[in-house]
PDB file of N, CA and C in Angstrom:
ATOM      1  N   MET A   1      92.192 118.486-136.330  1.00  0.00           N
ATOM      2  CA  MET A   1      92.118 116.914-137.266  1.00  0.00           C
ATOM      3  C   MET A   1      92.580 116.787-138.301  1.00  0.00           C
ATOM      4  N   PRO A   2      93.163 115.942-138.982  1.00  0.00           N
ATOM      5  CA  PRO A   2      94.688 115.967-139.552  1.00  0.00           C
ATOM      6  C   PRO A   2      94.220 116.298-140.841  1.00  0.00           C
ATOM      7  N   ARG A   3      95.065 116.183-141.587  1.00  0.00           N
ATOM      8  CA  ARG A   3      95.860 116.691-142.791  1.00  0.00           C
ATOM      9  C   ARG A   3      96.346 115.986-143.224  1.00  0.00           C
ATOM     10  N   TYR A   4      96.327 115.915-144.641  1.00  0.00           N
ATOM     11  CA  TYR A   4      97.004 114.890-145.687  1.00  0.00           C
ATOM     12  C   TYR A   4      97.522 115.828-146.873  1.00  0.00           C
ATOM     13  N   VAL A   5      98.572 116.066-146.825  1.00  0.00           N
ATOM     14  CA  VAL A   5      99.668 115.869-148.297  1.00  0.00           C
ATOM     15  C   VAL A   5     100.340 115.093-149.371  1.00  0.00           C
ATOM     16  N   ALA A   6      99.627 114.813-150.707  1.00  0.00           N
ATOM     17  CA  ALA A   6      99.993 114.050-151.168  1.00  0.00           C
ATOM     18  C   ALA A   6     100.411 114.401-153.186  1.00  0.00           C
ATOM     19  N   PHE A   7     101.429 115.399-153.114  1.00  0.00           N
ATOM     20  CA  PHE A   7     102.157 114.818-154.161  1.00  0.00           C
ATOM     21  C   PHE A   7     102.874 114.336-155.187  1.00  0.00           C
ATOM     22  N   LEU A   8     102.240 114.580-155.930  1.00  0.00           N
ATOM     23  CA  LEU A   8     102.799 113.313-157.280  1.00  0.00           C
ATOM     24  C   LEU A   8     102.338 113.959-158.143  1.00  0.00           C
ATOM     25  N   ARG A   9     103.854 113.303-159.034  1.00  0.00           N
ATOM     26  CA  ARG A   9     103.779 113.836-160.543  1.00  0.00           C
ATOM     27  C   ARG A   9     104.142 112.434-161.683  1.00  0.00           C
ATOM     28  N   ALA A  10     103.472 112.044-162.973  1.00  0.00           N
ATOM     29  CA  ALA A  10     104.199 111.285-164.047  1.00  0.00           C
ATOM     30  C   ALA A  10     103.378 110.212-163.224  1.00  0.00           C
ATOM     31  N   VAL A  11     102.271 109.486-163.139  1.00  0.00           N
ATOM     32  CA  VAL A  11     101.950 108.558-162.162  1.00  0.00           C
ATOM     33  C   VAL A  11     101.723 107.374-163.500  1.00  0.00           C
ATOM     34  N   ASN A  12     102.415 106.225-163.404  1.00  0.00           N
ATOM     35  CA  ASN A  12     103.220 105.534-164.297  1.00  0.00           C
ATOM     36  C   ASN A  12     103.836 103.974-163.192  1.00  0.00           C
ATOM     37  N   VAL A  13     102.602 103.378-163.430  1.00  0.00           N
ATOM     38  CA  VAL A  13     103.152 102.133-162.571  1.00  0.00           C
ATOM     39  C   VAL A  13     102.836 101.033-164.302  1.00  0.00           C
ATOM     40  N   GLY A  14     104.236 100.506-163.761  1.00  0.00           N
ATOM     41  CA  GLY A  14     104.198  99.242-165.534  1.00  0.00           C
ATOM     42  C   GLY A  14     103.325  99.320-166.084  1.00  0.00           C
ATOM     43  N   GLY A  15     103.815 100.674-166.792  1.00  0.00           N
ATOM     44  CA  GLY A  15     103.354 100.715-168.057  1.00  0.00           C
ATOM     45  C   GLY A  15     101.893 101.538-168.457  1.00  0.00           C
ATOM     46  N   ARG A  16     101.618 101.415-166.846  1.00  0.00           N
ATOM     47  CA  ARG A  16      99.389 101.856-166.862  1.00  0.00           C
ATOM     48  C   ARG A  16      99.567 103.029-166.526  1.00  0.00           C
ATOM     49  N   PHE A  17      99.568 104.436-167.073  1.00  0.00           N
ATOM     50  CA  PHE A  17      99.043 105.652-166.814  1.00  0.00           C
ATOM     51  C   PHE A  17      98.737 105.802-165.729  1.00  0.00           C
ATOM     52  N   VAL A  18      97.512 107.141-164.787  1.00  0.00           N
ATOM     53  CA  VAL A  18      96.656 107.331-163.875  1.00  0.00           C
ATOM     54  C   VAL A  18      96.792 108.383-164.459  1.00  0.00           C
ATOM     55  N   ARG A  19      95.400 109.029-165.430  1.00  0.00           N
ATOM     56  CA  ARG A  19      95.530 110.778-165.859  1.00  0.00           C
ATOM     57  C   ARG A  19      95.219 111.464-164.447  1.00  0.00           C
ATOM     58  N   MET A  20      95.446 112.418-164.683  1.00  0.00           N
ATOM     59  CA  MET A  20      94.923 113.935-163.245  1.00  0.00           C
ATOM     60  C   MET A  20      93.976 113.264-162.797  1.00  0.00           C
ATOM     61  N   ALA A  21      93.014 113.304-163.898  1.00  0.00           N
ATOM     62  CA  ALA A  21      91.546 114.070-164.030  1.00  0.00           C
ATOM     63  C   ALA A  21      90.773 112.868-163.045  1.00  0.00           C
ATOM     64  N   ASP A  22      91.438 111.666-163.686  1.00  0.00           N
ATOM     65  CA  ASP A  22      90.491 110.556-162.479  1.00  0.00           C
ATOM     66  C   ASP A  22      91.136 110.205-161.924  1.00  0.00           C
ATOM     67  N   LEU A  23      92.376 111.116-161.304  1.00  0.00           N
ATOM     68  CA  LEU A  23      93.125 110.843-159.148  1.00  0.00           C
ATOM     69  C   LEU A  23      92.348 111.812-158.604  1.00  0.00           C
ATOM     70  N   ARG A  24      92.205 112.656-159.293  1.00  0.00           N
ATOM     71  CA  ARG A  24      91.601 113.661-158.677  1.00  0.00           C
ATOM     72  C   ARG A  24      89.919 113.279-158.412  1.00  0.00           C
ATOM     73  N   ALA A  25      89.137 112.835-158.907  1.00  0.00           N
ATOM     74  CA  ALA A  25      88.469 111.383-159.260  1.00  0.00           C
ATOM     75  C   ALA A  25      87.975 110.521-157.403  1.00  0.00           C
ATOM     76  N   ALA A  26      89.509 109.867-157.850  1.00  0.00           N
ATOM     77  CA  ALA A  26      88.739 108.811-156.829  1.00  0.00           C
ATOM     78  C   ALA A  26      89.375 109.266-155.477  1.00  0.00           C
ATOM     79  N   LEU A  27      89.832 110.513-155.766  1.00  0.00           N
ATOM     80  CA  LEU A  27      90.544 111.101-154.210  1.00  0.00           C
ATOM     81  C   LEU A  27      89.176 111.585-153.794  1.00  0.00           C
ATOM     82  N   ALA A  28      88.424 112.072-154.292  1.00  0.00           N
ATOM     83  CA  ALA A  28      87.739 113.084-153.759  1.00  0.00           C
ATOM     84  C   ALA A  28      86.374 111.828-153.417  1.00  0.00           C
ATOM     85  N   GLU A  29      86.609 110.861-154.321  1.00  0.00           N
ATOM     86  CA  GLU A  29      84.469 109.695-153.933  1.00  0.00           C
ATOM     87  C   GLU A  29      85.244 109.282-152.859  1.00  0.00           C
ATOM     88  N   ALA A  30      86.783 108.503-152.184  1.00  0.00           N
ATOM     89  CA  ALA A  30      87.205 108.590-150.906  1.00  0.00           C
ATOM     90  C   ALA A  30      86.856 108.997-150.055  1.00  0.00           C
ATOM     91  N   GLY A  31      86.790 110.671-149.849  1.00  0.00           N
ATOM     92  CA  GLY A  31      86.277 111.813-148.767  1.00  0.00           C
ATOM     93  C   GLY A  31      87.326 112.774-148.724  1.00  0.00           C
ATOM     94  N   PHE A  32      87.940 112.849-149.494  1.00  0.00           N
ATOM     95  CA  PHE A  32      88.972 114.178-149.212  1.00  0.00           C
ATOM     96  C   PHE A  32      88.820 115.139-149.793  1.00  0.00           C
ATOM     97  N   GLY A  33      89.166 115.980-148.865  1.00  0.00           N
ATOM     98  CA  GLY A  33      87.781 117.217-149.137  1.00  0.00           C
ATOM     99  C   GLY A  33      89.459 118.432-150.352  1.00  0.00           C
ATOM    100  N   ASP A  34      88.762 119.550-150.941  1.00  0.00           N
ATOM    101  CA  ASP A  34      90.230 120.061-151.612  1.00  0.00           C
ATOM    102  C   ASP A  34      90.599 119.893-152.647  1.00  0.00           C
ATOM    103  N   VAL A  35      90.894 118.766-153.700  1.00  0.00           N
ATOM    104  CA  VAL A  35      91.334 117.920-154.097  1.00  0.00           C
ATOM    105  C   VAL A  35      91.504 118.923-156.030  1.00  0.00           C
ATOM    106  N   GLU A  36      93.488 119.048-155.822  1.00  0.00           N
ATOM    107  CA  GLU A  36      93.715 119.700-156.580  1.00  0.00           C
ATOM    108  C   GLU A  36      94.522 118.711-157.157  1.00  0.00           C
ATOM    109  N   THR A  37      95.295 118.810-158.442  1.00  0.00           N
ATOM    110  CA  THR A  37      95.852 118.257-159.370  1.00  0.00           C
ATOM    111  C   THR A  37      96.522 118.783-160.776  1.00  0.00           C
TER     112      THR A  37
END
């Protein structure tokens, strides 16, 4: 089974910030398990 790891810090795209709680929820909803921020 493949394992994915992503290290993100200070997510800011074009002046729009992504809260870590929102990012965690989106990744969990996409099917990733053990999502931590």
